[in-house]
Protein backbone atom coordinates (compact mmCIF):
# COMPACT_ATOMS: atom_id res chain seq x y z
CA MET A 1 116.01 153.55 88.94
CA LYS A 2 112.81 152.16 90.51
CA LYS A 3 112.70 148.49 91.45
CA MET A 4 109.87 146.54 89.79
CA ILE A 5 108.36 143.35 91.25
CA ASN A 6 106.10 140.76 89.61
CA ILE A 7 102.96 140.37 91.80
CA ALA A 8 101.22 137.73 89.63
CA PRO A 9 100.77 134.22 91.08
CA SER A 10 103.22 131.61 89.84
CA GLY A 11 102.43 130.34 86.37
CA GLU A 12 100.40 133.41 85.34
CA LEU A 13 101.36 136.31 83.12
CA PRO A 14 103.54 138.81 84.98
CA VAL A 15 102.01 141.89 86.58
CA TRP A 16 104.74 144.40 87.34
CA ARG A 17 104.46 146.98 90.15
CA GLU A 18 106.92 149.34 91.75
CA GLU A 19 108.32 148.02 95.01
CA SER A 20 107.11 151.12 96.88
CA GLU A 21 103.57 150.57 95.57
CA ILE A 22 103.53 146.93 96.72
CA LYS A 23 104.65 147.82 100.22
CA SER A 24 101.73 150.20 100.50
CA LEU A 25 99.15 147.57 99.40
CA ARG A 26 96.81 146.33 102.07
CA GLY A 27 97.92 142.97 103.43
CA ILE A 28 94.70 141.32 102.31
CA LEU A 29 95.54 142.09 98.67
CA ARG A 30 99.12 140.86 98.88
CA GLN A 31 100.11 137.20 98.73
CA GLU A 32 103.28 135.91 100.36
CA GLY A 33 104.30 132.73 98.56
CA GLY A 34 101.97 130.42 96.69
CA SER A 35 98.75 131.74 95.25
CA HIS A 36 95.25 132.42 96.53
CA TYR A 37 92.61 129.82 95.86
CA GLU A 38 89.81 130.85 93.51
CA LEU A 39 87.18 131.50 96.21
CA ASN A 40 84.39 134.03 96.64
CA ILE A 41 85.88 134.93 100.02
CA GLN A 42 89.33 134.10 101.34
CA PRO A 43 89.37 132.10 104.60
CA ILE A 44 91.25 134.90 106.40
CA GLU A 45 88.47 137.37 105.55
CA TYR A 46 85.80 134.99 106.90
CA ILE A 47 87.83 134.14 110.01
CA HIS A 48 88.54 137.78 110.84
CA GLY A 49 85.03 138.98 109.94
CA ASN A 50 83.48 136.47 112.33
CA ASP A 51 85.95 136.98 115.19
CA LEU A 52 86.99 133.34 115.16
CA GLY A 53 89.89 132.17 117.28
CA PHE A 54 93.05 130.36 116.22
CA ILE A 55 91.59 126.85 116.43
CA GLU A 56 88.33 127.72 114.67
CA GLY A 57 90.32 129.60 112.03
CA ASN A 58 92.46 126.57 111.28
CA ILE A 59 89.34 124.41 110.96
CA ILE A 60 87.95 126.88 108.39
CA LYS A 61 91.28 127.09 106.55
CA TYR A 62 91.72 123.32 106.23
CA ALA A 63 88.04 122.74 105.34
CA THR A 64 88.29 125.34 102.60
CA ARG A 65 91.45 124.02 100.98
CA HIS A 66 91.37 120.22 101.44
CA ARG A 67 90.16 119.45 97.90
CA ALA A 68 92.74 121.73 96.30
CA LYS A 69 95.75 120.95 98.48
CA ASN A 70 96.30 118.07 100.89
CA GLY A 71 93.10 116.00 100.75
CA ALA A 72 92.66 113.53 103.61
CA GLU A 73 95.61 115.01 105.53
CA ASP A 74 93.73 118.32 105.84
CA ILE A 75 90.61 116.46 107.02
CA ARG A 76 92.68 114.74 109.74
CA LYS A 77 93.95 118.18 110.76
CA ILE A 78 90.34 119.40 111.03
CA ILE A 79 89.53 116.45 113.30
CA HIS A 80 92.61 117.16 115.42
CA TYR A 81 91.67 120.83 115.80
CA CYS A 82 88.08 119.85 116.70
CA GLU A 83 89.44 117.55 119.41
CA LEU A 84 91.63 120.40 120.70
CA LEU A 85 88.62 122.72 120.74
CA LEU A 86 86.54 120.22 122.73
CA GLU A 87 89.35 119.76 125.22
CA LEU A 88 90.44 123.39 125.63
CA GLU A 89 87.06 125.13 125.41
CA TYR A 90 84.73 122.55 126.93
CA GLY A 91 86.99 120.39 129.10
CA GLU A 92 86.15 117.25 127.14
CA SER A 93 88.87 114.89 126.06
CA GLN A 94 88.85 112.00 123.64
CA GLU A 95 90.39 109.83 126.36
CA GLU A 96 87.34 110.34 128.62
CA GLU A 97 84.98 109.42 125.77
CA LEU A 98 86.95 106.24 125.07
CA ARG A 99 86.62 105.21 128.73
CA GLU A 100 82.86 105.94 128.66
CA SER A 101 82.36 103.86 125.51
CA ASP A 102 84.12 100.93 127.19
CA SER A 103 81.64 100.82 130.10
CA PRO A 104 79.29 97.80 130.36
CA GLU A 105 76.20 100.03 129.98
CA HIS A 106 77.48 101.36 126.70
CA ARG A 107 78.35 97.93 125.31
CA LYS A 108 74.95 96.42 126.19
CA GLY A 109 72.96 98.62 123.80
CA ASP A 110 69.51 97.91 122.42
CA SER A 111 69.62 95.21 119.78
CA THR A 112 66.17 96.19 118.47
CA ALA A 113 67.13 99.79 117.77
CA LYS A 114 67.98 100.81 114.22
CA PRO A 115 70.25 103.73 113.38
CA GLN A 116 68.32 106.98 112.98
CA PHE A 117 69.51 107.55 109.41
CA PHE A 118 67.42 104.64 108.05
CA PRO A 119 63.90 105.55 106.90
CA ALA A 120 60.90 103.94 108.59
CA GLY A 121 60.31 100.44 107.24
CA TYR A 122 63.87 100.05 106.00
CA GLY A 123 65.02 96.44 106.27
CA SER A 124 61.48 95.08 106.59
CA TYR A 125 60.95 92.19 104.25
CA SER A 126 57.61 91.64 102.58
CA GLU A 127 56.51 89.55 99.59
CA SER A 128 55.50 92.73 97.72
CA ASN A 129 59.16 93.83 97.56
CA ASN A 130 59.90 91.11 94.96
């Protein structure tokens, strides 16, 4: 007797296949635990297709799933992996940046400068604005 296995994601109608058929499926079509997200392209396909490394791949994975899975926790993981990438690939560490931002030159600043994201004239008061 042939062994049959349900390959449908949890909560969906069963899709039965012979065990020997499943073992021959390409890995990209098979899901181990959980279910695939409804995406045009799975993160693993994008990561592999673009020759991304482990760290970059995790950034893509967490960015792709954060709304559907762990929310802010996944965003914090992205930030952590970005910090690792800066440190391991470019020799920059968050600790060095913290020391730089504590220097007197950095603290002095330019009190007349406005952040770049404000449009020209923003914050100017004139009688015609009433």
